[in-house]
């Protein structure tokens, strides 16, 4: 469980870094990469919490 939390935190930090690089350089690829990382992280977070809820109910 700790590993999943750390992984999600690292993914969020990498998305933030991509957005900072986009703000500094203005290259659209950094924004696109940041959005893709953020989207995947959100999906992984929702799945993680859905599994926790399902375990709690069972």
C-alpha atoms as a PDB file:
ATOM      1  CA  UNK A   1       0.000   0.000   0.000  1.00  0.00           C
ATOM      2  CA  UNK A   2       2.879   2.334   0.757  1.00  0.00           C
ATOM      3  CA  UNK A   3       4.434   1.504  -2.602  1.00  0.00           C
ATOM      4  CA  UNK A   4       1.255   2.510  -4.446  1.00  0.00           C
ATOM      5  CA  UNK A   5       1.076   5.817  -2.582  1.00  0.00           C
ATOM      6  CA  UNK A   6       4.713   6.605  -3.296  1.00  0.00           C
ATOM      7  CA  UNK A   7       4.274   5.671  -6.951  1.00  0.00           C
ATOM      8  CA  UNK A   8       1.237   7.937  -7.307  1.00  0.00           C
ATOM      9  CA  UNK A   9       3.119  10.778  -5.595  1.00  0.00           C
ATOM     10  CA  UNK A  10       6.089  10.339  -7.935  1.00  0.00           C
ATOM     11  CA  UNK A  11       3.804  10.338 -10.973  1.00  0.00           C
ATOM     12  CA  UNK A  12       2.136  13.553  -9.792  1.00  0.00           C
ATOM     13  CA  UNK A  13       5.548  15.147  -9.271  1.00  0.00           C
ATOM     14  CA  UNK A  14       6.651  14.127 -12.762  1.00  0.00           C
ATOM     15  CA  UNK A  15       3.471  15.638 -14.225  1.00  0.00           C
ATOM     16  CA  UNK A  16       4.164  18.852 -12.314  1.00  0.00           C
ATOM     17  CA  UNK A  17       7.726  18.882 -13.634  1.00  0.00           C
ATOM     18  CA  UNK A  18       6.409  18.483 -17.177  1.00  0.00           C
ATOM     19  CA  UNK A  19       4.101  21.467 -16.691  1.00  0.00           C
ATOM     20  CA  UNK A  20       6.993  23.537 -15.314  1.00  0.00           C
ATOM     21  CA  UNK A  21       9.089  22.597 -18.344  1.00  0.00           C
ATOM     22  CA  UNK A  22       6.178  23.620 -20.565  1.00  0.00           C
ATOM     23  CA  UNK A  23       5.930  26.972 -18.781  1.00  0.00           C
ATOM     24  CA  UNK A  24       9.672  27.584 -19.123  1.00  0.00           C
ATOM     25  CA  UNK A  25      10.214  26.388 -22.702  1.00  0.00           C
ATOM     26  CA  UNK A  26       6.788  26.821 -24.269  1.00  0.00           C
ATOM     27  CA  UNK A  27       7.080  23.479 -26.069  1.00  0.00           C
ATOM     28  CA  UNK A  28       3.676  21.852 -26.411  1.00  0.00           C
ATOM     29  CA  UNK A  29       5.067  18.322 -26.073  1.00  0.00           C
ATOM     30  CA  UNK A  30       5.752  18.904 -22.371  1.00  0.00           C
ATOM     31  CA  UNK A  31       2.143  19.927 -21.828  1.00  0.00           C
ATOM     32  CA  UNK A  32       0.912  16.867 -23.718  1.00  0.00           C
ATOM     33  CA  UNK A  33       3.191  14.540 -21.734  1.00  0.00           C
ATOM     34  CA  UNK A  34       2.153  16.178 -18.463  1.00  0.00           C
ATOM     35  CA  UNK A  35      -1.531  15.751 -19.267  1.00  0.00           C
ATOM     36  CA  UNK A  36      -1.022  12.100 -20.226  1.00  0.00           C
ATOM     37  CA  UNK A  37       0.860  11.397 -16.991  1.00  0.00           C
ATOM     38  CA  UNK A  38      -1.799  13.224 -14.978  1.00  0.00           C
ATOM     39  CA  UNK A  39      -4.617  11.326 -16.688  1.00  0.00           C
ATOM     40  CA  UNK A  40      -2.956   7.971 -16.047  1.00  0.00           C
ATOM     41  CA  UNK A  41      -2.225   8.897 -12.446  1.00  0.00           C
ATOM     42  CA  UNK A  42      -5.829   9.869 -11.811  1.00  0.00           C
ATOM     43  CA  UNK A  43      -7.075   6.578 -13.261  1.00  0.00           C
ATOM     44  CA  UNK A  44      -4.557   4.630 -11.169  1.00  0.00           C
ATOM     45  CA  UNK A  45      -5.600   6.542  -8.048  1.00  0.00           C
ATOM     46  CA  UNK A  46      -9.279   5.843  -8.635  1.00  0.00           C
ATOM     47  CA  UNK A  47      -8.579   2.147  -9.183  1.00  0.00           C
ATOM     48  CA  UNK A  48      -6.416   2.051  -6.058  1.00  0.00           C
ATOM     49  CA  UNK A  49      -9.138   3.568  -3.886  1.00  0.00           C
ATOM     50  CA  UNK A  50     -11.815   1.383  -5.496  1.00  0.00           C
ATOM     51  CA  UNK A  51      -9.803  -1.693  -4.506  1.00  0.00           C
ATOM     52  CA  UNK A  52      -9.429  -0.347  -0.966  1.00  0.00           C
ATOM     53  CA  UNK A  53     -13.179   0.233  -0.720  1.00  0.00           C
ATOM     54  CA  UNK A  54     -13.923  -3.216  -2.137  1.00  0.00           C
ATOM     55  CA  UNK A  55     -11.570  -4.818   0.396  1.00  0.00           C
ATOM     56  CA  UNK A  56     -13.176  -2.894   3.217  1.00  0.00           C
ATOM     57  CA  UNK A  57     -16.658  -4.024   2.188  1.00  0.00           C
ATOM     58  CA  UNK A  58     -15.688  -7.687   1.800  1.00  0.00           C
END
